[in-house]
Amino acid sequence: MTVEHEIMTLPEVAKHLGVSERTIYDWAQKGKIPAAKLGNAWRFKRSEIDHWNENKRAK
């Protein structure tokens, strides 16, 4: 996987997880999902999102 596909935008994460963009934004703001803010935009590492999602489902 290339770096460009490893880094995801907020809309890409919302689609990947099947939730609304607003939900991802709220989770990112509250630190509930692994994210980094670059300027005004949130960015997400696909591997961290997948790991987070697997752990969330296991609980």
PDB file of N, CA and C in Angstrom:
ATOM      1  N   MET A   1       0.851  -1.184   0.000  1.00  0.00           N
ATOM      2  CA  MET A   1       0.000   0.000   0.000  1.00  0.00           C
ATOM      3  C   MET A   1       0.892   1.241   0.000  1.00  0.00           C
ATOM      4  N   THR A   2       0.551   2.178  -0.849  1.00  0.00           N
ATOM      5  CA  THR A   2       1.353   3.394  -0.926  1.00  0.00           C
ATOM      6  C   THR A   2       0.942   4.368   0.162  1.00  0.00           C
ATOM      7  N   VAL A   3       1.819   5.316   0.428  1.00  0.00           N
ATOM      8  CA  VAL A   3       1.537   6.311   1.463  1.00  0.00           C
ATOM      9  C   VAL A   3       0.270   7.085   1.136  1.00  0.00           C
ATOM     10  N   GLU A   4       0.053   7.395  -0.128  1.00  0.00           N
ATOM     11  CA  GLU A   4      -1.130   8.176  -0.494  1.00  0.00           C
ATOM     12  C   GLU A   4      -2.422   7.439  -0.174  1.00  0.00           C
ATOM     13  N   HIS A   5      -2.392   6.109  -0.160  1.00  0.00           N
ATOM     14  CA  HIS A   5      -3.584   5.346   0.202  1.00  0.00           C
ATOM     15  C   HIS A   5      -3.641   5.056   1.695  1.00  0.00           C
ATOM     16  N   GLU A   6      -2.528   5.233   2.381  1.00  0.00           N
ATOM     17  CA  GLU A   6      -2.482   5.015   3.823  1.00  0.00           C
ATOM     18  C   GLU A   6      -3.136   6.179   4.572  1.00  0.00           C
ATOM     19  N   ILE A   7      -2.996   7.390   4.045  1.00  0.00           N
ATOM     20  CA  ILE A   7      -3.567   8.567   4.693  1.00  0.00           C
ATOM     21  C   ILE A   7      -4.950   8.826   4.109  1.00  0.00           C
ATOM     22  N   MET A   8      -5.915   8.931   5.008  1.00  0.00           N
ATOM     23  CA  MET A   8      -7.300   9.094   4.581  1.00  0.00           C
ATOM     24  C   MET A   8      -7.854  10.435   5.047  1.00  0.00           C
ATOM     25  N   THR A   9      -8.805  10.958   4.273  1.00  0.00           N
ATOM     26  CA  THR A   9      -9.509  12.181   4.656  1.00  0.00           C
ATOM     27  C   THR A   9     -10.734  11.810   5.492  1.00  0.00           C
ATOM     28  N   LEU A  10     -11.346  12.806   6.071  1.00  0.00           N
ATOM     29  CA  LEU A  10     -12.536  12.570   6.889  1.00  0.00           C
ATOM     30  C   LEU A  10     -13.650  11.900   6.071  1.00  0.00           C
ATOM     31  N   PRO A  11     -13.977  12.383   4.860  1.00  0.00           N
ATOM     32  CA  PRO A  11     -15.017  11.689   4.084  1.00  0.00           C
ATOM     33  C   PRO A  11     -14.655  10.243   3.737  1.00  0.00           C
ATOM     34  N   GLU A  12     -13.387   9.986   3.484  1.00  0.00           N
ATOM     35  CA  GLU A  12     -12.961   8.616   3.181  1.00  0.00           C
ATOM     36  C   GLU A  12     -13.137   7.704   4.385  1.00  0.00           C
ATOM     37  N   VAL A  13     -12.816   8.206   5.576  1.00  0.00           N
ATOM     38  CA  VAL A  13     -12.980   7.401   6.798  1.00  0.00           C
ATOM     39  C   VAL A  13     -14.457   7.147   7.058  1.00  0.00           C
ATOM     40  N   ALA A  14     -15.284   8.159   6.870  1.00  0.00           N
ATOM     41  CA  ALA A  14     -16.722   7.989   7.071  1.00  0.00           C
ATOM     42  C   ALA A  14     -17.262   6.890   6.159  1.00  0.00           C
ATOM     43  N   LYS A  15     -16.866   6.915   4.894  1.00  0.00           N
ATOM     44  CA  LYS A  15     -17.314   5.887   3.953  1.00  0.00           C
ATOM     45  C   LYS A  15     -16.750   4.523   4.332  1.00  0.00           C
ATOM     46  N   HIS A  16     -15.478   4.491   4.708  1.00  0.00           N
ATOM     47  CA  HIS A  16     -14.798   3.246   5.086  1.00  0.00           C
ATOM     48  C   HIS A  16     -15.488   2.577   6.281  1.00  0.00           C
ATOM     49  N   LEU A  17     -15.927   3.380   7.241  1.00  0.00           N
ATOM     50  CA  LEU A  17     -16.559   2.840   8.451  1.00  0.00           C
ATOM     51  C   LEU A  17     -18.082   2.784   8.366  1.00  0.00           C
ATOM     52  N   GLY A  18     -18.661   3.394   7.355  1.00  0.00           N
ATOM     53  CA  GLY A  18     -20.109   3.359   7.183  1.00  0.00           C
ATOM     54  C   GLY A  18     -20.864   4.228   8.172  1.00  0.00           C
ATOM     55  N   VAL A  19     -20.267   5.355   8.531  1.00  0.00           N
ATOM     56  CA  VAL A  19     -20.931   6.308   9.425  1.00  0.00           C
ATOM     57  C   VAL A  19     -20.885   7.689   8.770  1.00  0.00           C
ATOM     58  N   SER A  20     -21.583   8.645   9.360  1.00  0.00           N
ATOM     59  CA  SER A  20     -21.624   9.981   8.768  1.00  0.00           C
ATOM     60  C   SER A  20     -20.313  10.734   8.979  1.00  0.00           C
ATOM     61  N   GLU A  21     -20.071  11.698   8.108  1.00  0.00           N
ATOM     62  CA  GLU A  21     -18.891  12.551   8.261  1.00  0.00           C
ATOM     63  C   GLU A  21     -18.947  13.309   9.584  1.00  0.00           C
ATOM     64  N   ARG A  22     -20.126  13.713   9.990  1.00  0.00           N
ATOM     65  CA  ARG A  22     -20.283  14.450  11.255  1.00  0.00           C
ATOM     66  C   ARG A  22     -19.853  13.576  12.434  1.00  0.00           C
ATOM     67  N   THR A  23     -20.187  12.295  12.396  1.00  0.00           N
ATOM     68  CA  THR A  23     -19.792  11.377  13.461  1.00  0.00           C
ATOM     69  C   THR A  23     -18.277  11.273  13.537  1.00  0.00           C
ATOM     70  N   ILE A  24     -17.615  11.122  12.390  1.00  0.00           N
ATOM     71  CA  ILE A  24     -16.154  11.043  12.381  1.00  0.00           C
ATOM     72  C   ILE A  24     -15.555  12.338  12.912  1.00  0.00           C
ATOM     73  N   TYR A  25     -16.095  13.466  12.490  1.00  0.00           N
ATOM     74  CA  TYR A  25     -15.607  14.767  12.964  1.00  0.00           C
ATOM     75  C   TYR A  25     -15.732  14.866  14.486  1.00  0.00           C
ATOM     76  N   ASP A  26     -16.890  14.495  15.007  1.00  0.00           N
ATOM     77  CA  ASP A  26     -17.112  14.544  16.464  1.00  0.00           C
ATOM     78  C   ASP A  26     -16.147  13.626  17.195  1.00  0.00           C
ATOM     79  N   TRP A  27     -15.969  12.400  16.698  1.00  0.00           N
ATOM     80  CA  TRP A  27     -15.042  11.460  17.326  1.00  0.00           C
ATOM     81  C   TRP A  27     -13.617  12.011  17.309  1.00  0.00           C
ATOM     82  N   ALA A  28     -13.216  12.613  16.186  1.00  0.00           N
ATOM     83  CA  ALA A  28     -11.863  13.170  16.076  1.00  0.00           C
ATOM     84  C   ALA A  28     -11.674  14.321  17.068  1.00  0.00           C
ATOM     85  N   GLN A  29     -12.655  15.198  17.142  1.00  0.00           N
ATOM     86  CA  GLN A  29     -12.594  16.340  18.072  1.00  0.00           C
ATOM     87  C   GLN A  29     -12.456  15.876  19.519  1.00  0.00           C
ATOM     88  N   LYS A  30     -13.144  14.788  19.857  1.00  0.00           N
ATOM     89  CA  LYS A  30     -13.166  14.280  21.231  1.00  0.00           C
ATOM     90  C   LYS A  30     -12.054  13.276  21.510  1.00  0.00           C
ATOM     91  N   GLY A  31     -11.228  12.970  20.497  1.00  0.00           N
ATOM     92  CA  GLY A  31     -10.132  12.029  20.685  1.00  0.00           C
ATOM     93  C   GLY A  31     -10.571  10.586  20.780  1.00  0.00           C
ATOM     94  N   LYS A  32     -11.745  10.277  20.260  1.00  0.00           N
ATOM     95  CA  LYS A  32     -12.265   8.909  20.330  1.00  0.00           C
ATOM     96  C   LYS A  32     -11.777   8.034  19.194  1.00  0.00           C
ATOM     97  N   ILE A  33     -11.163   8.637  18.180  1.00  0.00           N
ATOM     98  CA  ILE A  33     -10.664   7.911  17.018  1.00  0.00           C
ATOM     99  C   ILE A  33      -9.258   8.424  16.723  1.00  0.00           C
ATOM    100  N   PRO A  34      -8.341   7.567  16.317  1.00  0.00           N
ATOM    101  CA  PRO A  34      -6.976   8.046  16.039  1.00  0.00           C
ATOM    102  C   PRO A  34      -6.967   8.993  14.831  1.00  0.00           C
ATOM    103  N   ALA A  35      -6.521  10.227  15.052  1.00  0.00           N
ATOM    104  CA  ALA A  35      -6.532  11.244  14.003  1.00  0.00           C
ATOM    105  C   ALA A  35      -5.464  12.289  14.274  1.00  0.00           C
ATOM    106  N   ALA A  36      -5.113  13.011  13.230  1.00  0.00           N
ATOM    107  CA  ALA A  36      -4.178  14.129  13.355  1.00  0.00           C
ATOM    108  C   ALA A  36      -4.758  15.297  12.574  1.00  0.00           C
ATOM    109  N   LYS A  37      -4.611  16.484  13.125  1.00  0.00           N
ATOM    110  CA  LYS A  37      -5.122  17.661  12.441  1.00  0.00           C
ATOM    111  C   LYS A  37      -3.973  18.365  11.741  1.00  0.00           C
ATOM    112  N   LEU A  38      -4.107  18.540  10.439  1.00  0.00           N
ATOM    113  CA  LEU A  38      -3.127  19.255   9.628  1.00  0.00           C
ATOM    114  C   LEU A  38      -3.801  20.526   9.140  1.00  0.00           C
ATOM    115  N   GLY A  39      -3.418  21.654   9.725  1.00  0.00           N
ATOM    116  CA  GLY A  39      -4.115  22.900   9.403  1.00  0.00           C
ATOM    117  C   GLY A  39      -5.544  22.797   9.890  1.00  0.00           C
ATOM    118  N   ASN A  40      -6.478  22.941   8.973  1.00  0.00           N
ATOM    119  CA  ASN A  40      -7.904  22.835   9.324  1.00  0.00           C
ATOM    120  C   ASN A  40      -8.484  21.459   9.046  1.00  0.00           C
ATOM    121  N   ALA A  41      -7.668  20.561   8.484  1.00  0.00           N
ATOM    122  CA  ALA A  41      -8.195  19.276   8.010  1.00  0.00           C
ATOM    123  C   ALA A  41      -7.730  18.118   8.884  1.00  0.00           C
ATOM    124  N   TRP A  42      -8.645  17.209   9.149  1.00  0.00           N
ATOM    125  CA  TRP A  42      -8.319  15.981   9.855  1.00  0.00           C
ATOM    126  C   TRP A  42      -7.762  14.972   8.876  1.00  0.00           C
ATOM    127  N   ARG A  43      -6.763  14.206   9.315  1.00  0.00           N
ATOM    128  CA  ARG A  43      -6.193  13.126   8.520  1.00  0.00           C
ATOM    129  C   ARG A  43      -6.120  11.880   9.390  1.00  0.00           C
ATOM    130  N   PHE A  44      -6.251  10.727   8.754  1.00  0.00           N
ATOM    131  CA  PHE A  44      -6.334   9.451   9.458  1.00  0.00           C
ATOM    132  C   PHE A  44      -5.458   8.435   8.753  1.00  0.00           C
ATOM    133  N   LYS A  45      -4.725   7.629   9.529  1.00  0.00           N
ATOM    134  CA  LYS A  45      -3.938   6.537   8.953  1.00  0.00           C
ATOM    135  C   LYS A  45      -4.833   5.313   8.858  1.00  0.00           C
ATOM    136  N   ARG A  46      -4.924   4.769   7.651  1.00  0.00           N
ATOM    137  CA  ARG A  46      -5.812   3.618   7.434  1.00  0.00           C
ATOM    138  C   ARG A  46      -5.499   2.471   8.404  1.00  0.00           C
ATOM    139  N   SER A  47      -4.219   2.168   8.599  1.00  0.00           N
ATOM    140  CA  SER A  47      -3.853   1.053   9.478  1.00  0.00           C
ATOM    141  C   SER A  47      -4.318   1.306  10.912  1.00  0.00           C
ATOM    142  N   GLU A  48      -4.212   2.555  11.378  1.00  0.00           N
ATOM    143  CA  GLU A  48      -4.667   2.882  12.737  1.00  0.00           C
ATOM    144  C   GLU A  48      -6.186   2.816  12.840  1.00  0.00           C
ATOM    145  N   ILE A  49      -6.876   3.260  11.809  1.00  0.00           N
ATOM    146  CA  ILE A  49      -8.347   3.202  11.802  1.00  0.00           C
ATOM    147  C   ILE A  49      -8.814   1.752  11.812  1.00  0.00           C
ATOM    148  N   ASP A  50      -8.192   0.917  10.979  1.00  0.00           N
ATOM    149  CA  ASP A  50      -8.585  -0.500  10.933  1.00  0.00           C
ATOM    150  C   ASP A  50      -8.317  -1.181  12.273  1.00  0.00           C
ATOM    151  N   HIS A  51      -7.173  -0.903  12.880  1.00  0.00           N
ATOM    152  CA  HIS A  51      -6.838  -1.475  14.189  1.00  0.00           C
ATOM    153  C   HIS A  51      -7.836  -0.993  15.251  1.00  0.00           C
ATOM    154  N   TRP A  52      -8.126   0.299  15.258  1.00  0.00           N
ATOM    155  CA  TRP A  52      -9.083   0.884  16.203  1.00  0.00           C
ATOM    156  C   TRP A  52     -10.462   0.242  16.030  1.00  0.00           C
ATOM    157  N   ASN A  53     -10.874   0.073  14.771  1.00  0.00           N
ATOM    158  CA  ASN A  53     -12.188  -0.491  14.484  1.00  0.00           C
ATOM    159  C   ASN A  53     -12.274  -1.952  14.937  1.00  0.00           C
ATOM    160  N   GLU A  54     -11.230  -2.723  14.705  1.00  0.00           N
ATOM    161  CA  GLU A  54     -11.216  -4.126  15.151  1.00  0.00           C
ATOM    162  C   GLU A  54     -11.308  -4.206  16.675  1.00  0.00           C
ATOM    163  N   ASN A  55     -10.553  -3.372  17.370  1.00  0.00           N
ATOM    164  CA  ASN A  55     -10.596  -3.374  18.834  1.00  0.00           C
ATOM    165  C   ASN A  55     -11.953  -2.931  19.354  1.00  0.00           C
ATOM    166  N   LYS A  56     -12.563  -1.970  18.696  1.00  0.00           N
ATOM    167  CA  LYS A  56     -13.877  -1.478  19.099  1.00  0.00           C
ATOM    168  C   LYS A  56     -14.924  -2.576  18.956  1.00  0.00           C
ATOM    169  N   ARG A  57     -14.848  -3.333  17.864  1.00  0.00           N
ATOM    170  CA  ARG A  57     -15.811  -4.413  17.637  1.00  0.00           C
ATOM    171  C   ARG A  57     -15.608  -5.583  18.592  1.00  0.00           C
ATOM    172  N   ALA A  58     -14.390  -5.789  19.041  1.00  0.00           N
ATOM    173  CA  ALA A  58     -14.089  -6.911  19.928  1.00  0.00           C
ATOM    174  C   ALA A  58     -14.636  -6.693  21.329  1.00  0.00           C
ATOM    175  N   LYS A  59     -14.952  -5.462  21.675  1.00  0.00           N
ATOM    176  CA  LYS A  59     -15.442  -5.160  23.034  1.00  0.00           C
ATOM    177  C   LYS A  59     -16.913  -5.411  23.185  1.00  0.00           C
TER     178      LYS A  59
END
